[in-house]
Amino acid sequence: MASGISASVFSFLRLHELTGQDRYRDFAEQEFQRYRAAATAAPAGFVHLLAARDFAQRGALGIIFAGDKAAATALVKSVHRAYLPARVLAFAEDVPVGQGRTRSMAGRQLRVPTSHLYRTGNQWPGAP
């Protein structure tokens, strides 16, 4: 089971991705530093915190949903079924990173919800 510390670190990292505010990443980094020696000595006791560290180093897998929220329920549930610890989920209209992401393709409005994927860090250069 994840500790409260590691869950909060994941939350800080996701908030950083969604808002662009560096203070959230700074909070996460403080916790990494606080538990660094303990996690190095007993990594099996800090698996979730180490997964958060991996998230911070590799970058987020962002999934931004566009379209009607009620109609997107099945799409959102399907994403939640997969274990993707570095995922950051949001609806385009709710977060700054969603600005400019629409549910149109080739200038036409789609009738179904859609999602936009991006990767931060050095994995997918040019990602938002």
C-alpha atoms as a PDB file:
ATOM      1  CA  MET A   1       0.000   0.000   0.000  1.00  0.00           C
ATOM      2  CA  ALA A   2       1.249   3.467  -0.831  1.00  0.00           C
ATOM      3  CA  SER A   3       2.207   5.800   1.976  1.00  0.00           C
ATOM      4  CA  GLY A   4       0.689   9.216   2.416  1.00  0.00           C
ATOM      5  CA  ILE A   5       4.030  10.783   1.559  1.00  0.00           C
ATOM      6  CA  SER A   6       4.375   8.993  -1.767  1.00  0.00           C
ATOM      7  CA  ALA A   7       0.738   9.687  -2.658  1.00  0.00           C
ATOM      8  CA  SER A   8       1.258  13.380  -1.924  1.00  0.00           C
ATOM      9  CA  VAL A   9       4.449  13.405  -4.018  1.00  0.00           C
ATOM     10  CA  PHE A  10       2.520  11.963  -6.978  1.00  0.00           C
ATOM     11  CA  SER A  11      -0.128  14.631  -6.432  1.00  0.00           C
ATOM     12  CA  PHE A  12       2.479  17.398  -6.370  1.00  0.00           C
ATOM     13  CA  LEU A  13       4.004  16.126  -9.612  1.00  0.00           C
ATOM     14  CA  ARG A  14       0.609  15.954 -11.301  1.00  0.00           C
ATOM     15  CA  LEU A  15      -0.299  19.442 -10.095  1.00  0.00           C
ATOM     16  CA  HIS A  16       2.976  20.717 -11.529  1.00  0.00           C
ATOM     17  CA  GLU A  17       2.125  19.171 -14.905  1.00  0.00           C
ATOM     18  CA  LEU A  18      -1.426  20.507 -14.931  1.00  0.00           C
ATOM     19  CA  THR A  19      -0.741  24.037 -13.704  1.00  0.00           C
ATOM     20  CA  GLY A  20       2.861  24.673 -14.722  1.00  0.00           C
ATOM     21  CA  GLN A  21       3.581  25.999 -11.222  1.00  0.00           C
ATOM     22  CA  ASP A  22       7.104  25.054 -10.166  1.00  0.00           C
ATOM     23  CA  ARG A  23       6.286  25.199  -6.463  1.00  0.00           C
ATOM     24  CA  TYR A  24       4.529  21.832  -6.714  1.00  0.00           C
ATOM     25  CA  ARG A  25       7.592  20.175  -8.236  1.00  0.00           C
ATOM     26  CA  ASP A  26       9.693  21.833  -5.516  1.00  0.00           C
ATOM     27  CA  PHE A  27       7.458  20.265  -2.831  1.00  0.00           C
ATOM     28  CA  ALA A  28       7.981  16.844  -4.445  1.00  0.00           C
ATOM     29  CA  GLU A  29      11.749  17.363  -4.621  1.00  0.00           C
ATOM     30  CA  GLN A  30      11.830  18.241  -0.911  1.00  0.00           C
ATOM     31  CA  GLU A  31      10.213  14.905  -0.074  1.00  0.00           C
ATOM     32  CA  PHE A  32      12.601  13.015  -2.355  1.00  0.00           C
ATOM     33  CA  GLN A  33      15.520  14.595  -0.506  1.00  0.00           C
ATOM     34  CA  ARG A  34      13.975  13.904   2.901  1.00  0.00           C
ATOM     35  CA  TYR A  35      13.602  10.160   2.212  1.00  0.00           C
ATOM     36  CA  ARG A  36      16.628   9.661  -0.037  1.00  0.00           C
ATOM     37  CA  ALA A  37      18.842   7.893   2.519  1.00  0.00           C
ATOM     38  CA  ALA A  38      16.037   5.645   3.793  1.00  0.00           C
ATOM     39  CA  ALA A  39      14.921   4.707   0.263  1.00  0.00           C
ATOM     40  CA  THR A  40      18.508   3.915  -0.706  1.00  0.00           C
ATOM     41  CA  ALA A  41      18.976   1.703   2.356  1.00  0.00           C
ATOM     42  CA  ALA A  42      15.649  -0.148   1.977  1.00  0.00           C
ATOM     43  CA  PRO A  43      14.184   0.374  -1.512  1.00  0.00           C
ATOM     44  CA  ALA A  44      11.511  -2.311  -1.050  1.00  0.00           C
ATOM     45  CA  GLY A  45       9.950  -0.125   1.635  1.00  0.00           C
ATOM     46  CA  PHE A  46       9.684   2.851  -0.715  1.00  0.00           C
ATOM     47  CA  VAL A  47       8.438   1.355  -3.970  1.00  0.00           C
ATOM     48  CA  HIS A  48       5.691   3.913  -4.537  1.00  0.00           C
ATOM     49  CA  LEU A  49       8.007   6.823  -3.705  1.00  0.00           C
ATOM     50  CA  LEU A  50      10.588   5.413  -6.130  1.00  0.00           C
ATOM     51  CA  ALA A  51       7.878   5.173  -8.804  1.00  0.00           C
ATOM     52  CA  ALA A  52       7.165   8.861  -8.165  1.00  0.00           C
ATOM     53  CA  ARG A  53      10.887   9.579  -8.581  1.00  0.00           C
ATOM     54  CA  ASP A  54      10.810   7.743 -11.899  1.00  0.00           C
ATOM     55  CA  PHE A  55       7.830   9.904 -12.922  1.00  0.00           C
ATOM     56  CA  ALA A  56       9.781  13.052 -12.012  1.00  0.00           C
ATOM     57  CA  GLN A  57      12.847  11.953 -13.973  1.00  0.00           C
ATOM     58  CA  ARG A  58      11.167  10.586 -17.098  1.00  0.00           C
ATOM     59  CA  GLY A  59       8.281  13.027 -17.321  1.00  0.00           C
ATOM     60  CA  ALA A  60       4.544  12.644 -17.357  1.00  0.00           C
ATOM     61  CA  LEU A  61       2.308  10.810 -19.758  1.00  0.00           C
ATOM     62  CA  GLY A  62      -0.403  13.399 -20.177  1.00  0.00           C
ATOM     63  CA  ILE A  63      -3.851  12.475 -21.366  1.00  0.00           C
ATOM     64  CA  ILE A  64      -6.094  15.440 -22.024  1.00  0.00           C
ATOM     65  CA  PHE A  65      -9.737  14.688 -22.810  1.00  0.00           C
ATOM     66  CA  ALA A  66     -11.730  16.968 -25.078  1.00  0.00           C
ATOM     67  CA  GLY A  67     -15.458  16.901 -25.574  1.00  0.00           C
ATOM     68  CA  ASP A  68     -18.538  16.409 -23.482  1.00  0.00           C
ATOM     69  CA  LYS A  69     -17.577  15.095 -20.032  1.00  0.00           C
ATOM     70  CA  ALA A  70     -20.616  12.870 -19.647  1.00  0.00           C
ATOM     71  CA  ALA A  71     -20.025  11.273 -23.043  1.00  0.00           C
ATOM     72  CA  ALA A  72     -16.359  10.664 -22.181  1.00  0.00           C
ATOM     73  CA  THR A  73     -17.093   8.387 -19.197  1.00  0.00           C
ATOM     74  CA  ALA A  74     -16.211   5.163 -21.020  1.00  0.00           C
ATOM     75  CA  LEU A  75     -13.017   6.682 -22.411  1.00  0.00           C
ATOM     76  CA  VAL A  76     -11.916   7.890 -18.970  1.00  0.00           C
ATOM     77  CA  LYS A  77     -12.706   4.512 -17.371  1.00  0.00           C
ATOM     78  CA  SER A  78     -10.662   2.685 -19.989  1.00  0.00           C
ATOM     79  CA  VAL A  79      -7.625   4.832 -19.192  1.00  0.00           C
ATOM     80  CA  HIS A  80      -8.057   4.212 -15.457  1.00  0.00           C
ATOM     81  CA  ARG A  81      -7.918   0.433 -15.977  1.00  0.00           C
ATOM     82  CA  ALA A  82      -4.271   0.521 -17.041  1.00  0.00           C
ATOM     83  CA  TYR A  83      -1.425   0.892 -14.565  1.00  0.00           C
ATOM     84  CA  LEU A  84       0.236   4.095 -15.712  1.00  0.00           C
ATOM     85  CA  PRO A  85       1.815   5.669 -12.619  1.00  0.00           C
ATOM     86  CA  ALA A  86       3.096   8.714 -14.517  1.00  0.00           C
ATOM     87  CA  ARG A  87      -0.236   9.540 -16.094  1.00  0.00           C
ATOM     88  CA  VAL A  88      -1.776  12.953 -15.727  1.00  0.00           C
ATOM     89  CA  LEU A  89      -5.449  13.119 -16.680  1.00  0.00           C
ATOM     90  CA  ALA A  90      -7.594  16.192 -17.212  1.00  0.00           C
ATOM     91  CA  PHE A  91     -10.308  17.668 -19.352  1.00  0.00           C
ATOM     92  CA  ALA A  92      -8.966  20.304 -21.723  1.00  0.00           C
ATOM     93  CA  GLU A  93     -11.252  23.052 -20.482  1.00  0.00           C
ATOM     94  CA  ASP A  94     -10.205  22.572 -16.841  1.00  0.00           C
ATOM     95  CA  VAL A  95      -6.432  23.080 -17.002  1.00  0.00           C
ATOM     96  CA  PRO A  96      -3.918  25.442 -18.610  1.00  0.00           C
ATOM     97  CA  VAL A  97      -2.137  22.574 -20.374  1.00  0.00           C
ATOM     98  CA  GLY A  98      -5.419  21.855 -22.166  1.00  0.00           C
ATOM     99  CA  GLN A  99      -5.547  25.259 -23.839  1.00  0.00           C
ATOM    100  CA  GLY A 100      -5.980  24.903 -27.579  1.00  0.00           C
ATOM    101  CA  ARG A 101      -6.830  21.222 -27.468  1.00  0.00           C
ATOM    102  CA  THR A 102     -10.158  20.635 -29.131  1.00  0.00           C
ATOM    103  CA  ARG A 103     -12.232  17.766 -30.293  1.00  0.00           C
ATOM    104  CA  SER A 104     -11.887  18.661 -33.946  1.00  0.00           C
ATOM    105  CA  MET A 105      -9.958  16.990 -36.714  1.00  0.00           C
ATOM    106  CA  ALA A 106      -9.159  18.578 -40.060  1.00  0.00           C
ATOM    107  CA  GLY A 107     -11.380  21.519 -39.141  1.00  0.00           C
ATOM    108  CA  ARG A 108     -14.454  19.378 -38.449  1.00  0.00           C
ATOM    109  CA  GLN A 109     -16.064  18.932 -35.059  1.00  0.00           C
ATOM    110  CA  LEU A 110     -16.088  15.339 -33.888  1.00  0.00           C
ATOM    111  CA  ARG A 111     -19.266  13.936 -32.388  1.00  0.00           C
ATOM    112  CA  VAL A 112     -17.448  11.778 -29.868  1.00  0.00           C
ATOM    113  CA  PRO A 113     -15.028  12.717 -27.092  1.00  0.00           C
ATOM    114  CA  THR A 114     -11.356  12.363 -27.906  1.00  0.00           C
ATOM    115  CA  SER A 115      -8.055  12.433 -26.092  1.00  0.00           C
ATOM    116  CA  HIS A 116      -4.705  14.077 -26.745  1.00  0.00           C
ATOM    117  CA  LEU A 117      -1.521  12.413 -25.525  1.00  0.00           C
ATOM    118  CA  TYR A 118       1.714  14.136 -24.687  1.00  0.00           C
ATOM    119  CA  ARG A 119       4.925  13.248 -22.928  1.00  0.00           C
ATOM    120  CA  THR A 120       6.966  15.733 -20.937  1.00  0.00           C
ATOM    121  CA  GLY A 121      10.646  15.480 -20.160  1.00  0.00           C
ATOM    122  CA  ASN A 122      13.058  14.215 -22.755  1.00  0.00           C
ATOM    123  CA  GLN A 123      10.879  11.363 -24.018  1.00  0.00           C
ATOM    124  CA  TRP A 124       8.874  13.169 -26.707  1.00  0.00           C
ATOM    125  CA  PRO A 125      10.684  16.342 -27.759  1.00  0.00           C
ATOM    126  CA  GLY A 126       8.400  19.234 -28.553  1.00  0.00           C
ATOM    127  CA  ALA A 127       5.597  18.058 -26.271  1.00  0.00           C
ATOM    128  CA  PRO A 128       3.819  20.793 -24.287  1.00  0.00           C
END
